[in-house]
Amino acid sequence: MPSISLTTLPGLPLVKKGDSLTALILRAAEVHGLRFGAGDVVVVAQKIVSKAEGRLVPLSSVTPGAEARALAAETDKDPRLAQLILDECATVLRKKPGVIIVRHRLGHVGANAGIDQSNVEHEGGEHALLLPRDPDASAARLQAELSAAAGCHLAVIICDSMNRPWRLGTVGGAIGCAGLEVLDDRRGQHDMFGRELKVTMINRADSIAAMATLLMGESIERTPVAVVQGFAVDARHGRAADIIRPAADDLFN
């Protein structure tokens, strides 16, 4: 019978700009006696990737423009936060008091351009944490370093919390991937009754990210890394960017 195991790596210190996530993950794995095997998937929370890459911005350094001030007035947001949202997004899709839905410059659609103020340090004033500039590139670097240290092929997923249309609550989703095929395209195959599959594409990356996020938690757990074993990914090189539906096919906006 197929089975998958999921293990978190507790005990990572609070990540600061310039920290080596590879070193921190390897040290935590050693402390907890976890041995990496070929095909394991290392799931890393976006928050620690952004922190290590210096994406924590003091709001005192942000000067809001006229558009940001207008958006803040419409949505009851801090004008400085509104400016960061505008800087990070390609377009504002929806807005109302308390909510700004945008298409991020990376293509993701969600609230506040993925900018977060929870579980981040606010020493010396309020701060906001932005998404990595290029999460797929971040995943690729981490995947290469971890695979070299482990002596086998590993995959890496950088996950973040996401909302979905018409569904309450967040789920984990993949914003950066390396070392695995992110989409399992079944189109052209047949179901158990011989009917040809026309649209079936299984999102492997988001499925793994959602599963890992359940155990990693999203508040006070302090377990921003999980290792999925037993799924046995191959050495294909997909990207999280491959998951994003082209804007021309987006019927929700």
Protein backbone atom coordinates (compact mmCIF):
# COMPACT_ATOMS: atom_id res chain seq x y z
CA MET A 1 0.00 0.00 0.00
CA PRO A 2 1.38 3.44 -0.90
CA SER A 3 2.15 5.73 2.03
CA ILE A 4 3.65 9.16 2.61
CA SER A 5 5.30 10.43 5.77
CA LEU A 6 5.50 14.09 6.76
CA THR A 7 7.97 15.34 9.35
CA THR A 8 8.47 18.89 10.62
CA LEU A 9 11.86 20.18 11.74
CA PRO A 10 11.31 22.14 14.95
CA GLY A 11 13.96 24.21 16.63
CA LEU A 12 15.01 26.49 13.79
CA PRO A 13 16.06 29.88 15.13
CA LEU A 14 14.35 33.07 14.05
CA VAL A 15 15.71 33.72 10.57
CA LYS A 16 17.52 36.95 9.82
CA LYS A 17 18.69 38.59 6.62
CA GLY A 18 21.67 36.74 5.18
CA ASP A 19 21.10 33.48 7.07
CA SER A 20 21.81 30.26 5.17
CA LEU A 21 18.57 28.29 5.09
CA THR A 22 20.49 25.28 3.80
CA ALA A 23 22.72 25.28 6.88
CA LEU A 24 19.77 25.76 9.24
CA ILE A 25 17.77 22.93 7.63
CA LEU A 26 20.71 20.52 7.59
CA ARG A 27 21.50 21.28 11.23
CA ALA A 28 17.88 20.74 12.29
CA ALA A 29 17.70 17.47 10.34
CA GLU A 30 20.87 16.25 12.05
CA VAL A 31 19.59 17.20 15.51
CA HIS A 32 16.35 15.28 14.94
CA GLY A 33 18.01 12.29 13.27
CA LEU A 34 16.27 12.77 9.94
CA ARG A 35 18.12 11.27 6.98
CA PHE A 36 17.25 12.56 3.54
CA GLY A 37 16.54 10.05 0.78
CA ALA A 38 16.28 10.34 -2.98
CA GLY A 39 12.98 11.91 -3.99
CA ASP A 40 12.23 13.57 -0.65
CA VAL A 41 10.47 16.93 -0.82
CA VAL A 42 11.60 19.73 1.50
CA VAL A 43 8.76 22.21 2.04
CA VAL A 44 9.86 25.61 3.27
CA ALA A 45 7.61 28.43 4.46
CA GLN A 46 7.82 31.56 2.34
CA LYS A 47 8.25 33.66 5.44
CA ILE A 48 11.73 32.39 6.30
CA VAL A 49 12.84 32.59 2.65
CA SER A 50 11.75 36.24 2.51
CA LYS A 51 13.45 37.01 5.82
CA ALA A 52 16.72 35.41 4.72
CA GLU A 53 16.59 37.39 1.47
CA GLY A 54 16.08 40.70 3.25
CA ARG A 55 12.49 41.31 2.20
CA LEU A 56 11.46 42.73 5.58
CA VAL A 57 10.66 46.40 5.01
CA PRO A 58 10.27 49.04 7.76
CA LEU A 59 7.14 51.04 7.03
CA SER A 60 8.99 54.14 8.14
CA SER A 61 11.05 53.84 4.94
CA VAL A 62 7.96 53.96 2.69
CA THR A 63 6.61 57.23 1.29
CA PRO A 64 3.07 56.73 -0.07
CA GLY A 65 2.11 58.45 -3.29
CA ALA A 66 -1.25 59.89 -4.27
CA GLU A 67 -2.55 56.57 -5.65
CA ALA A 68 -1.56 54.74 -2.48
CA ARG A 69 -3.21 57.36 -0.28
CA ALA A 70 -6.42 57.08 -2.29
CA LEU A 71 -6.35 53.27 -2.11
CA ALA A 72 -5.71 53.40 1.63
CA ALA A 73 -8.67 55.74 2.14
CA GLU A 74 -10.97 53.36 0.22
CA THR A 75 -9.81 50.26 2.08
CA ASP A 76 -8.96 51.50 5.60
CA LYS A 77 -5.34 50.48 5.13
CA ASP A 78 -2.12 52.14 6.21
CA PRO A 79 -1.06 54.30 3.22
CA ARG A 80 2.49 52.97 3.52
CA LEU A 81 1.21 49.39 3.27
CA ALA A 82 -0.96 50.40 0.31
CA GLN A 83 2.14 51.75 -1.42
CA LEU A 84 3.98 48.46 -0.93
CA ILE A 85 0.98 46.58 -2.32
CA LEU A 86 0.95 48.79 -5.41
CA ASP A 87 4.70 48.35 -5.83
CA GLU A 88 4.39 44.56 -5.69
CA CYS A 89 1.30 44.05 -7.81
CA ALA A 90 0.60 44.12 -11.53
CA THR A 91 -2.98 45.29 -11.11
CA VAL A 92 -5.61 45.81 -8.41
CA LEU A 93 -8.55 43.52 -9.16
CA ARG A 94 -11.00 44.18 -6.31
CA LYS A 95 -11.11 46.43 -3.27
CA LYS A 96 -13.40 47.25 -0.38
CA PRO A 97 -12.85 48.33 3.23
CA GLY A 98 -10.37 45.88 4.74
CA VAL A 99 -9.69 43.97 1.51
CA ILE A 100 -7.41 44.54 -1.48
CA ILE A 101 -7.25 41.73 -4.05
CA VAL A 102 -4.47 42.03 -6.61
CA ARG A 103 -2.64 40.14 -9.28
CA HIS A 104 0.92 39.99 -8.02
CA ARG A 105 3.77 40.74 -10.42
CA LEU A 106 4.58 36.99 -10.14
CA GLY A 107 1.07 36.16 -11.38
CA HIS A 108 -0.55 35.02 -8.13
CA VAL A 109 -3.98 36.43 -7.33
CA GLY A 110 -4.63 37.14 -3.66
CA ALA A 111 -4.95 39.62 -0.86
CA ASN A 112 -2.43 42.39 -0.24
CA ALA A 113 0.10 41.12 -2.81
CA GLY A 114 1.16 38.43 -0.34
CA ILE A 115 2.52 41.08 2.04
CA ASP A 116 2.35 39.96 5.66
CA GLN A 117 2.84 41.58 9.05
CA SER A 118 2.21 38.55 11.26
CA ASN A 119 5.07 36.57 12.79
CA VAL A 120 7.59 39.23 11.78
CA GLU A 121 9.71 41.42 14.00
CA HIS A 122 8.48 44.99 14.56
CA GLU A 123 11.52 46.20 16.44
CA GLY A 124 11.93 49.94 16.00
CA GLY A 125 8.53 50.35 14.35
CA GLU A 126 6.10 48.50 12.10
CA HIS A 127 7.49 46.26 9.36
CA ALA A 128 5.99 44.35 6.42
CA LEU A 129 7.34 41.18 4.81
CA LEU A 130 7.24 40.94 1.01
CA LEU A 131 7.33 37.77 -1.09
CA PRO A 132 10.73 36.71 -2.47
CA ARG A 133 11.63 38.52 -5.69
CA ASP A 134 11.87 35.21 -7.59
CA PRO A 135 10.58 32.26 -5.53
CA ASP A 136 11.39 29.69 -8.24
CA ALA A 137 15.00 30.88 -8.30
CA SER A 138 15.09 30.76 -4.49
CA ALA A 139 13.77 27.19 -4.58
CA ALA A 140 16.31 26.21 -7.24
CA ARG A 141 19.24 27.48 -5.18
CA LEU A 142 18.01 25.73 -2.05
CA GLN A 143 17.32 22.52 -3.97
CA ALA A 144 20.81 22.44 -5.48
CA GLU A 145 22.49 23.07 -2.12
CA LEU A 146 20.42 20.53 -0.19
CA SER A 147 20.77 17.86 -2.88
CA ALA A 148 24.54 18.34 -2.95
CA ALA A 149 24.77 18.07 0.84
CA ALA A 150 22.48 15.02 0.98
CA GLY A 151 24.18 13.31 -1.95
CA CYS A 152 20.84 12.56 -3.63
CA HIS A 153 18.09 14.28 -5.58
CA LEU A 154 15.75 16.30 -3.38
CA ALA A 155 12.91 18.58 -4.38
CA VAL A 156 12.04 21.90 -2.76
CA ILE A 157 8.70 23.68 -2.49
CA ILE A 158 8.35 27.17 -1.07
CA CYS A 159 4.82 27.43 0.30
CA ASP A 160 2.58 30.30 1.29
CA SER A 161 -0.97 30.67 2.55
CA MET A 162 -3.54 31.30 -0.17
CA ASN A 163 -7.21 32.15 -0.40
CA ARG A 164 -9.50 30.66 -3.04
CA PRO A 165 -12.59 32.11 -4.72
CA TRP A 166 -15.84 31.17 -2.95
CA ARG A 167 -14.03 29.21 -0.21
CA LEU A 168 -13.40 30.38 3.35
CA GLY A 169 -10.04 29.89 5.00
CA THR A 170 -6.52 29.61 3.66
CA VAL A 171 -4.60 26.61 2.37
CA GLY A 172 -0.93 26.16 1.67
CA GLY A 173 0.11 26.66 -1.94
CA ALA A 174 3.37 26.51 -3.86
CA ILE A 175 4.93 29.82 -4.90
CA GLY A 176 8.39 28.38 -5.65
CA CYS A 177 9.40 24.90 -6.83
CA ALA A 178 12.48 23.03 -7.97
CA GLY A 179 13.30 19.41 -8.63
CA LEU A 180 9.82 18.04 -9.27
CA GLU A 181 7.14 17.99 -11.93
CA VAL A 182 4.58 20.43 -10.58
CA LEU A 183 1.70 19.42 -12.87
CA ASP A 184 0.74 15.84 -13.64
CA ASP A 185 -1.00 16.27 -16.99
CA ARG A 186 -3.44 13.40 -17.55
CA ARG A 187 -5.10 14.85 -20.64
CA GLY A 188 -5.33 12.30 -23.42
CA GLN A 189 -5.34 9.39 -20.96
CA HIS A 190 -8.49 7.42 -20.12
CA ASP A 191 -10.53 6.87 -16.99
CA MET A 192 -11.46 3.43 -15.64
CA PHE A 193 -14.35 3.22 -18.09
CA GLY A 194 -12.29 4.19 -21.13
CA ARG A 195 -13.50 7.78 -21.34
CA GLU A 196 -10.77 10.16 -22.55
CA LEU A 197 -9.66 12.74 -20.01
CA LYS A 198 -9.99 16.21 -21.52
CA VAL A 199 -9.02 18.62 -18.73
CA THR A 200 -7.48 16.62 -15.89
CA MET A 201 -4.23 18.16 -14.62
CA ILE A 202 -3.19 17.21 -11.08
CA ASN A 203 -1.44 20.00 -9.21
CA ARG A 204 1.21 18.04 -7.35
CA ALA A 205 3.05 21.04 -5.93
CA ASP A 206 0.01 22.69 -4.35
CA SER A 207 -1.21 19.34 -3.01
CA ILE A 208 2.10 18.70 -1.24
CA ALA A 209 2.26 22.29 0.01
CA ALA A 210 -1.27 22.09 1.44
CA MET A 211 -0.52 18.81 3.20
CA ALA A 212 2.72 20.14 4.69
CA THR A 213 1.09 23.39 5.85
CA LEU A 214 -1.41 21.42 7.96
CA LEU A 215 1.48 20.14 10.07
CA MET A 216 3.76 23.17 9.86
CA GLY A 217 1.02 25.49 11.12
CA GLU A 218 0.56 29.18 10.46
CA SER A 219 0.67 30.92 13.84
CA ILE A 220 2.85 30.05 16.89
CA GLU A 221 4.15 26.60 15.89
CA ARG A 222 7.62 27.80 14.76
CA THR A 223 8.02 24.84 12.40
CA PRO A 224 8.61 26.50 9.01
CA VAL A 225 10.19 23.43 7.38
CA ALA A 226 8.72 20.00 6.68
CA VAL A 227 10.07 16.97 4.85
CA VAL A 228 7.76 14.76 2.77
CA GLN A 229 9.05 11.22 2.27
CA GLY A 230 7.53 8.41 0.24
CA PHE A 231 6.18 10.48 -2.62
CA ALA A 232 9.38 9.83 -4.59
CA VAL A 233 9.52 12.73 -6.99
CA ASP A 234 11.61 12.36 -10.10
CA ALA A 235 14.32 14.69 -11.32
CA ARG A 236 12.14 16.78 -13.59
CA HIS A 237 12.40 20.53 -13.30
CA GLY A 238 9.06 22.26 -13.05
CA ARG A 239 8.45 25.73 -11.67
CA ALA A 240 5.66 27.21 -9.58
CA ALA A 241 5.26 29.73 -12.39
CA ASP A 242 3.98 26.82 -14.52
CA ILE A 243 0.96 26.51 -12.21
CA ILE A 244 -0.44 29.98 -12.79
CA ARG A 245 -3.41 30.11 -15.12
CA PRO A 246 -2.80 32.52 -18.00
CA ALA A 247 -4.66 35.79 -17.53
CA ALA A 248 -6.47 35.25 -20.85
CA ASP A 249 -8.03 32.06 -19.40
CA ASP A 250 -9.05 33.63 -16.07
CA LEU A 251 -12.85 33.69 -16.01
CA PHE A 252 -13.13 34.94 -12.42
CA ASN A 253 -11.95 38.47 -13.11
